[in-house]
């Protein structure tokens, strides 16, 4: 089975995905990795703000809100 890779920002609310890669500015990537968004981690999109920014995800049993621009750099399967 082939799964399509897409940015985390395109995962619908209520759906889960597995992080495959984190890219972007070095400081942002480092911060996201420190918060638990490492490759192989399952994330669930909990909700989005009314205008779509930020996005709240559930990762490693806690809620994390990230900017949509940062979510574009998180590639998931």
PDB file of N, CA and C in Angstrom:
ATOM      1  N   UNK A   1       0.840  -1.176   0.000  1.00  0.00           N
ATOM      2  CA  UNK A   1       0.000   0.000   0.000  1.00  0.00           C
ATOM      3  C   UNK A   1       0.890   1.245   0.000  1.00  0.00           C
ATOM      4  N   UNK A   2       0.640   2.141  -0.908  1.00  0.00           N
ATOM      5  CA  UNK A   2       1.401   3.377  -1.012  1.00  0.00           C
ATOM      6  C   UNK A   2       0.590   4.498  -0.371  1.00  0.00           C
ATOM      7  N   UNK A   3       1.216   5.195   0.563  1.00  0.00           N
ATOM      8  CA  UNK A   3       0.531   6.326   1.190  1.00  0.00           C
ATOM      9  C   UNK A   3       1.110   7.613   0.642  1.00  0.00           C
ATOM     10  N   UNK A   4       0.242   8.561   0.403  1.00  0.00           N
ATOM     11  CA  UNK A   4       0.676   9.843  -0.147  1.00  0.00           C
ATOM     12  C   UNK A   4       1.206  10.729   0.968  1.00  0.00           C
ATOM     13  N   UNK A   5       2.325  11.346   0.717  1.00  0.00           N
ATOM     14  CA  UNK A   5       2.868  12.307   1.673  1.00  0.00           C
ATOM     15  C   UNK A   5       2.259  13.662   1.382  1.00  0.00           C
ATOM     16  N   UNK A   6       1.956  14.383   2.453  1.00  0.00           N
ATOM     17  CA  UNK A   6       1.349  15.712   2.335  1.00  0.00           C
ATOM     18  C   UNK A   6       1.733  16.519   3.559  1.00  0.00           C
ATOM     19  N   UNK A   7       1.586  17.832   3.489  1.00  0.00           N
ATOM     20  CA  UNK A   7       1.888  18.648   4.673  1.00  0.00           C
ATOM     21  C   UNK A   7       0.822  18.452   5.747  1.00  0.00           C
ATOM     22  N   UNK A   8       1.211  18.612   6.978  1.00  0.00           N
ATOM     23  CA  UNK A   8       0.287  18.467   8.104  1.00  0.00           C
ATOM     24  C   UNK A   8      -0.885  19.440   7.992  1.00  0.00           C
ATOM     25  N   UNK A   9      -0.665  20.577   7.394  1.00  0.00           N
ATOM     26  CA  UNK A   9      -1.734  21.571   7.257  1.00  0.00           C
ATOM     27  C   UNK A   9      -2.875  21.096   6.365  1.00  0.00           C
ATOM     28  N   UNK A  10      -2.657  20.029   5.579  1.00  0.00           N
ATOM     29  CA  UNK A  10      -3.700  19.511   4.680  1.00  0.00           C
ATOM     30  C   UNK A  10      -4.437  18.310   5.241  1.00  0.00           C
ATOM     31  N   UNK A  11      -4.097  17.900   6.452  1.00  0.00           N
ATOM     32  CA  UNK A  11      -4.790  16.777   7.094  1.00  0.00           C
ATOM     33  C   UNK A  11      -6.104  17.302   7.663  1.00  0.00           C
ATOM     34  N   UNK A  12      -7.229  16.651   7.347  1.00  0.00           N
ATOM     35  CA  UNK A  12      -8.520  17.146   7.832  1.00  0.00           C
ATOM     36  C   UNK A  12      -8.656  17.004   9.356  1.00  0.00           C
ATOM     37  N   UNK A  13      -9.486  17.839   9.932  1.00  0.00           N
ATOM     38  CA  UNK A  13      -9.752  17.796  11.366  1.00  0.00           C
ATOM     39  C   UNK A  13     -10.336  16.428  11.721  1.00  0.00           C
ATOM     40  N   UNK A  14      -9.814  15.833  12.794  1.00  0.00           N
ATOM     41  CA  UNK A  14     -10.270  14.522  13.237  1.00  0.00           C
ATOM     42  C   UNK A  14      -9.463  13.368  12.678  1.00  0.00           C
ATOM     43  N   UNK A  15      -8.587  13.634  11.723  1.00  0.00           N
ATOM     44  CA  UNK A  15      -7.782  12.584  11.111  1.00  0.00           C
ATOM     45  C   UNK A  15      -6.401  12.503  11.756  1.00  0.00           C
ATOM     46  N   UNK A  16      -5.796  11.327  11.645  1.00  0.00           N
ATOM     47  CA  UNK A  16      -4.455  11.108  12.166  1.00  0.00           C
ATOM     48  C   UNK A  16      -3.489  10.856  11.032  1.00  0.00           C
ATOM     49  N   UNK A  17      -2.214  11.116  11.291  1.00  0.00           N
ATOM     50  CA  UNK A  17      -1.159  10.883  10.310  1.00  0.00           C
ATOM     51  C   UNK A  17       0.145  10.643  11.064  1.00  0.00           C
ATOM     52  N   UNK A  18       1.126  10.119  10.347  1.00  0.00           N
ATOM     53  CA  UNK A  18       2.433   9.848  10.935  1.00  0.00           C
ATOM     54  C   UNK A  18       3.448  10.819  10.337  1.00  0.00           C
ATOM     55  N   UNK A  19       4.206  11.466  11.195  1.00  0.00           N
ATOM     56  CA  UNK A  19       5.225  12.426  10.750  1.00  0.00           C
ATOM     57  C   UNK A  19       6.324  11.666  10.014  1.00  0.00           C
ATOM     58  N   UNK A  20       6.664  12.133   8.819  1.00  0.00           N
ATOM     59  CA  UNK A  20       7.748  11.499   8.068  1.00  0.00           C
ATOM     60  C   UNK A  20       8.959  12.415   7.936  1.00  0.00           C
ATOM     61  N   UNK A  21       8.741  13.747   7.981  1.00  0.00           N
ATOM     62  CA  UNK A  21       9.860  14.687   7.839  1.00  0.00           C
ATOM     63  C   UNK A  21       9.451  16.057   8.343  1.00  0.00           C
ATOM     64  N   UNK A  22      10.410  16.768   8.928  1.00  0.00           N
ATOM     65  CA  UNK A  22      10.180  18.140   9.374  1.00  0.00           C
ATOM     66  C   UNK A  22      11.218  19.017   8.686  1.00  0.00           C
ATOM     67  N   UNK A  23      10.748  20.058   7.987  1.00  0.00           N
ATOM     68  CA  UNK A  23      11.675  20.932   7.273  1.00  0.00           C
ATOM     69  C   UNK A  23      11.302  22.387   7.536  1.00  0.00           C
ATOM     70  N   UNK A  24      12.228  23.270   7.205  1.00  0.00           N
ATOM     71  CA  UNK A  24      12.013  24.695   7.393  1.00  0.00           C
ATOM     72  C   UNK A  24      13.258  25.341   7.950  1.00  0.00           C
ATOM     73  N   UNK A  25      13.074  26.492   8.579  1.00  0.00           N
ATOM     74  CA  UNK A  25      14.199  27.187   9.196  1.00  0.00           C
ATOM     75  C   UNK A  25      14.749  26.339  10.344  1.00  0.00           C
ATOM     76  N   UNK A  26      16.049  26.365  10.504  1.00  0.00           N
ATOM     77  CA  UNK A  26      16.700  25.516  11.498  1.00  0.00           C
ATOM     78  C   UNK A  26      16.122  25.704  12.900  1.00  0.00           C
ATOM     79  N   UNK A  27      15.870  26.944  13.292  1.00  0.00           N
ATOM     80  CA  UNK A  27      15.355  27.196  14.640  1.00  0.00           C
ATOM     81  C   UNK A  27      13.939  26.650  14.815  1.00  0.00           C
ATOM     82  N   UNK A  28      13.121  26.761  13.774  1.00  0.00           N
ATOM     83  CA  UNK A  28      11.747  26.255  13.829  1.00  0.00           C
ATOM     84  C   UNK A  28      11.757  24.736  13.873  1.00  0.00           C
ATOM     85  N   UNK A  29      12.571  24.108  13.033  1.00  0.00           N
ATOM     86  CA  UNK A  29      12.656  22.648  13.006  1.00  0.00           C
ATOM     87  C   UNK A  29      13.110  22.126  14.362  1.00  0.00           C
ATOM     88  N   UNK A  30      14.113  22.763  14.923  1.00  0.00           N
ATOM     89  CA  UNK A  30      14.619  22.339  16.231  1.00  0.00           C
ATOM     90  C   UNK A  30      13.523  22.421  17.287  1.00  0.00           C
ATOM     91  N   UNK A  31      12.776  23.512  17.299  1.00  0.00           N
ATOM     92  CA  UNK A  31      11.700  23.689  18.278  1.00  0.00           C
ATOM     93  C   UNK A  31      10.608  22.629  18.098  1.00  0.00           C
ATOM     94  N   UNK A  32      10.222  22.353  16.851  1.00  0.00           N
ATOM     95  CA  UNK A  32       9.192  21.343  16.597  1.00  0.00           C
ATOM     96  C   UNK A  32       9.660  19.955  17.025  1.00  0.00           C
ATOM     97  N   UNK A  33      10.913  19.638  16.756  1.00  0.00           N
ATOM     98  CA  UNK A  33      11.455  18.341  17.176  1.00  0.00           C
ATOM     99  C   UNK A  33      11.480  18.241  18.701  1.00  0.00           C
ATOM    100  N   UNK A  34      11.840  19.331  19.372  1.00  0.00           N
ATOM    101  CA  UNK A  34      11.852  19.335  20.835  1.00  0.00           C
ATOM    102  C   UNK A  34      10.456  19.154  21.425  1.00  0.00           C
ATOM    103  N   UNK A  35       9.434  19.590  20.690  1.00  0.00           N
ATOM    104  CA  UNK A  35       8.061  19.448  21.162  1.00  0.00           C
ATOM    105  C   UNK A  35       7.472  18.077  20.834  1.00  0.00           C
ATOM    106  N   UNK A  36       8.257  17.196  20.220  1.00  0.00           N
ATOM    107  CA  UNK A  36       7.808  15.831  19.997  1.00  0.00           C
ATOM    108  C   UNK A  36       7.396  15.493  18.592  1.00  0.00           C
ATOM    109  N   UNK A  37       7.504  16.409  17.654  1.00  0.00           N
ATOM    110  CA  UNK A  37       7.112  16.137  16.268  1.00  0.00           C
ATOM    111  C   UNK A  37       8.292  15.526  15.508  1.00  0.00           C
ATOM    112  N   UNK A  38       8.691  14.345  15.934  1.00  0.00           N
ATOM    113  CA  UNK A  38       9.813  13.646  15.306  1.00  0.00           C
ATOM    114  C   UNK A  38       9.267  12.613  14.329  1.00  0.00           C
ATOM    115  N   UNK A  39      10.039  12.242  13.311  1.00  0.00           N
ATOM    116  CA  UNK A  39       9.577  11.231  12.360  1.00  0.00           C
ATOM    117  C   UNK A  39       9.161   9.938  13.075  1.00  0.00           C
ATOM    118  N   UNK A  40       8.020   9.404  12.633  1.00  0.00           N
ATOM    119  CA  UNK A  40       7.478   8.181  13.211  1.00  0.00           C
ATOM    120  C   UNK A  40       6.410   8.429  14.259  1.00  0.00           C
ATOM    121  N   UNK A  41       6.210   9.670  14.652  1.00  0.00           N
ATOM    122  CA  UNK A  41       5.221  10.019  15.674  1.00  0.00           C
ATOM    123  C   UNK A  41       3.849  10.208  15.032  1.00  0.00           C
ATOM    124  N   UNK A  42       2.821   9.655  15.662  1.00  0.00           N
ATOM    125  CA  UNK A  42       1.452   9.824  15.184  1.00  0.00           C
ATOM    126  C   UNK A  42       0.877  11.125  15.743  1.00  0.00           C
ATOM    127  N   UNK A  43       0.269  11.916  14.876  1.00  0.00           N
ATOM    128  CA  UNK A  43      -0.382  13.162  15.280  1.00  0.00           C
ATOM    129  C   UNK A  43      -1.834  13.128  14.810  1.00  0.00           C
ATOM    130  N   UNK A  44      -2.707  13.739  15.599  1.00  0.00           N
ATOM    131  CA  UNK A  44      -4.121  13.851  15.249  1.00  0.00           C
ATOM    132  C   UNK A  44      -4.487  15.325  15.228  1.00  0.00           C
ATOM    133  N   UNK A  45      -5.096  15.763  14.145  1.00  0.00           N
ATOM    134  CA  UNK A  45      -5.534  17.156  14.045  1.00  0.00           C
ATOM    135  C   UNK A  45      -6.826  17.278  14.844  1.00  0.00           C
ATOM    136  N   UNK A  46      -6.781  18.072  15.917  1.00  0.00           N
ATOM    137  CA  UNK A  46      -7.931  18.228  16.809  1.00  0.00           C
ATOM    138  C   UNK A  46      -8.898  19.293  16.305  1.00  0.00           C
ATOM    139  N   UNK A  47      -8.363  20.456  15.962  1.00  0.00           N
ATOM    140  CA  UNK A  47      -9.218  21.555  15.486  1.00  0.00           C
ATOM    141  C   UNK A  47      -8.375  22.640  14.844  1.00  0.00           C
ATOM    142  N   UNK A  48      -9.064  23.533  14.146  1.00  0.00           N
ATOM    143  CA  UNK A  48      -8.433  24.690  13.509  1.00  0.00           C
ATOM    144  C   UNK A  48      -9.143  25.941  13.999  1.00  0.00           C
ATOM    145  N   UNK A  49      -8.425  27.036  14.037  1.00  0.00           N
ATOM    146  CA  UNK A  49      -9.043  28.317  14.368  1.00  0.00           C
ATOM    147  C   UNK A  49      -9.997  28.701  13.238  1.00  0.00           C
ATOM    148  N   UNK A  50     -10.947  29.589  13.506  1.00  0.00           N
ATOM    149  CA  UNK A  50     -11.922  29.961  12.472  1.00  0.00           C
ATOM    150  C   UNK A  50     -11.310  30.404  11.142  1.00  0.00           C
ATOM    151  N   UNK A  51     -10.193  31.081  11.173  1.00  0.00           N
ATOM    152  CA  UNK A  51      -9.555  31.512   9.928  1.00  0.00           C
ATOM    153  C   UNK A  51      -8.461  30.546   9.479  1.00  0.00           C
ATOM    154  N   UNK A  52      -8.349  29.385  10.154  1.00  0.00           N
ATOM    155  CA  UNK A  52      -7.406  28.362   9.727  1.00  0.00           C
ATOM    156  C   UNK A  52      -6.027  28.440  10.359  1.00  0.00           C
ATOM    157  N   UNK A  53      -5.786  29.427  11.209  1.00  0.00           N
ATOM    158  CA  UNK A  53      -4.460  29.567  11.800  1.00  0.00           C
ATOM    159  C   UNK A  53      -4.609  29.998  13.249  1.00  0.00           C
ATOM    160  N   UNK A  54      -4.142  29.286  14.226  1.00  0.00           N
ATOM    161  CA  UNK A  54      -3.284  28.105  14.214  1.00  0.00           C
ATOM    162  C   UNK A  54      -4.076  26.807  14.098  1.00  0.00           C
ATOM    163  N   UNK A  55      -3.336  25.708  14.054  1.00  0.00           N
ATOM    164  CA  UNK A  55      -3.895  24.358  13.999  1.00  0.00           C
ATOM    165  C   UNK A  55      -3.530  23.664  15.307  1.00  0.00           C
ATOM    166  N   UNK A  56      -4.503  23.020  15.939  1.00  0.00           N
ATOM    167  CA  UNK A  56      -4.225  22.279  17.172  1.00  0.00           C
ATOM    168  C   UNK A  56      -4.109  20.805  16.841  1.00  0.00           C
ATOM    169  N   UNK A  57      -2.993  20.206  17.243  1.00  0.00           N
ATOM    170  CA  UNK A  57      -2.764  18.780  17.014  1.00  0.00           C
ATOM    171  C   UNK A  57      -2.532  18.082  18.346  1.00  0.00           C
ATOM    172  N   UNK A  58      -2.842  16.813  18.375  1.00  0.00           N
ATOM    173  CA  UNK A  58      -2.586  15.979  19.552  1.00  0.00           C
ATOM    174  C   UNK A  58      -1.369  15.134  19.221  1.00  0.00           C
ATOM    175  N   UNK A  59      -0.316  15.289  20.020  1.00  0.00           N
ATOM    176  CA  UNK A  59       0.922  14.555  19.790  1.00  0.00           C
ATOM    177  C   UNK A  59       1.461  14.083  21.138  1.00  0.00           C
ATOM    178  N   UNK A  60       1.791  12.808  21.230  1.00  0.00           N
ATOM    179  CA  UNK A  60       2.343  12.230  22.462  1.00  0.00           C
ATOM    180  C   UNK A  60       1.515  12.578  23.692  1.00  0.00           C
ATOM    181  N   UNK A  61       0.199  12.479  23.553  1.00  0.00           N
ATOM    182  CA  UNK A  61      -0.760  12.656  24.639  1.00  0.00           C
ATOM    183  C   UNK A  61      -0.853  14.090  25.180  1.00  0.00           C
ATOM    184  N   UNK A  62      -0.545  15.089  24.362  1.00  0.00           N
ATOM    185  CA  UNK A  62      -0.798  16.474  24.753  1.00  0.00           C
ATOM    186  C   UNK A  62      -1.200  17.278  23.517  1.00  0.00           C
ATOM    187  N   UNK A  63      -1.860  18.404  23.765  1.00  0.00           N
ATOM    188  CA  UNK A  63      -2.323  19.268  22.678  1.00  0.00           C
ATOM    189  C   UNK A  63      -1.255  20.309  22.374  1.00  0.00           C
ATOM    190  N   UNK A  64      -1.038  20.529  21.095  1.00  0.00           N
ATOM    191  CA  UNK A  64      -0.024  21.468  20.629  1.00  0.00           C
ATOM    192  C   UNK A  64      -0.635  22.333  19.536  1.00  0.00           C
ATOM    193  N   UNK A  65      -0.543  23.643  19.676  1.00  0.00           N
ATOM    194  CA  UNK A  65      -1.026  24.564  18.645  1.00  0.00           C
ATOM    195  C   UNK A  65       0.176  25.097  17.886  1.00  0.00           C
ATOM    196  N   UNK A  66       0.122  24.961  16.565  1.00  0.00           N
ATOM    197  CA  UNK A  66       1.218  25.450  15.726  1.00  0.00           C
ATOM    198  C   UNK A  66       0.651  26.298  14.595  1.00  0.00           C
ATOM    199  N   UNK A  67       1.480  27.204  14.112  1.00  0.00           N
ATOM    200  CA  UNK A  67       1.072  28.060  12.992  1.00  0.00           C
ATOM    201  C   UNK A  67       0.939  27.233  11.724  1.00  0.00           C
ATOM    202  N   UNK A  68       0.048  27.652  10.866  1.00  0.00           N
ATOM    203  CA  UNK A  68      -0.155  26.956   9.591  1.00  0.00           C
ATOM    204  C   UNK A  68       1.134  26.963   8.769  1.00  0.00           C
ATOM    205  N   UNK A  69       1.893  28.042   8.818  1.00  0.00           N
ATOM    206  CA  UNK A  69       3.164  28.110   8.072  1.00  0.00           C
ATOM    207  C   UNK A  69       4.133  27.038   8.561  1.00  0.00           C
ATOM    208  N   UNK A  70       4.152  26.771   9.862  1.00  0.00           N
ATOM    209  CA  UNK A  70       5.015  25.726  10.395  1.00  0.00           C
ATOM    210  C   UNK A  70       4.472  24.341  10.032  1.00  0.00           C
ATOM    211  N   UNK A  71       3.137  24.204  10.026  1.00  0.00           N
ATOM    212  CA  UNK A  71       2.520  22.929   9.668  1.00  0.00           C
ATOM    213  C   UNK A  71       2.792  22.562   8.208  1.00  0.00           C
ATOM    214  N   UNK A  72       3.023  23.559   7.356  1.00  0.00           N
ATOM    215  CA  UNK A  72       3.364  23.288   5.956  1.00  0.00           C
ATOM    216  C   UNK A  72       4.723  22.584   5.838  1.00  0.00           C
ATOM    217  N   UNK A  73       5.593  22.799   6.803  1.00  0.00           N
ATOM    218  CA  UNK A  73       6.920  22.176   6.764  1.00  0.00           C
ATOM    219  C   UNK A  73       6.969  20.804   7.394  1.00  0.00           C
ATOM    220  N   UNK A  74       5.842  20.320   7.929  1.00  0.00           N
ATOM    221  CA  UNK A  74       5.788  18.988   8.535  1.00  0.00           C
ATOM    222  C   UNK A  74       5.148  18.050   7.533  1.00  0.00           C
ATOM    223  N   UNK A  75       5.930  17.125   7.013  1.00  0.00           N
ATOM    224  CA  UNK A  75       5.425  16.176   6.020  1.00  0.00           C
ATOM    225  C   UNK A  75       4.929  14.928   6.732  1.00  0.00           C
ATOM    226  N   UNK A  76       3.711  14.503   6.400  1.00  0.00           N
ATOM    227  CA  UNK A  76       3.102  13.332   7.045  1.00  0.00           C
ATOM    228  C   UNK A  76       2.643  12.322   5.998  1.00  0.00           C
ATOM    229  N   UNK A  77       2.434  11.119   6.465  1.00  0.00           N
ATOM    230  CA  UNK A  77       1.914  10.036   5.613  1.00  0.00           C
ATOM    231  C   UNK A  77       0.537   9.645   6.078  1.00  0.00           C
TER     232      UNK A  77
END
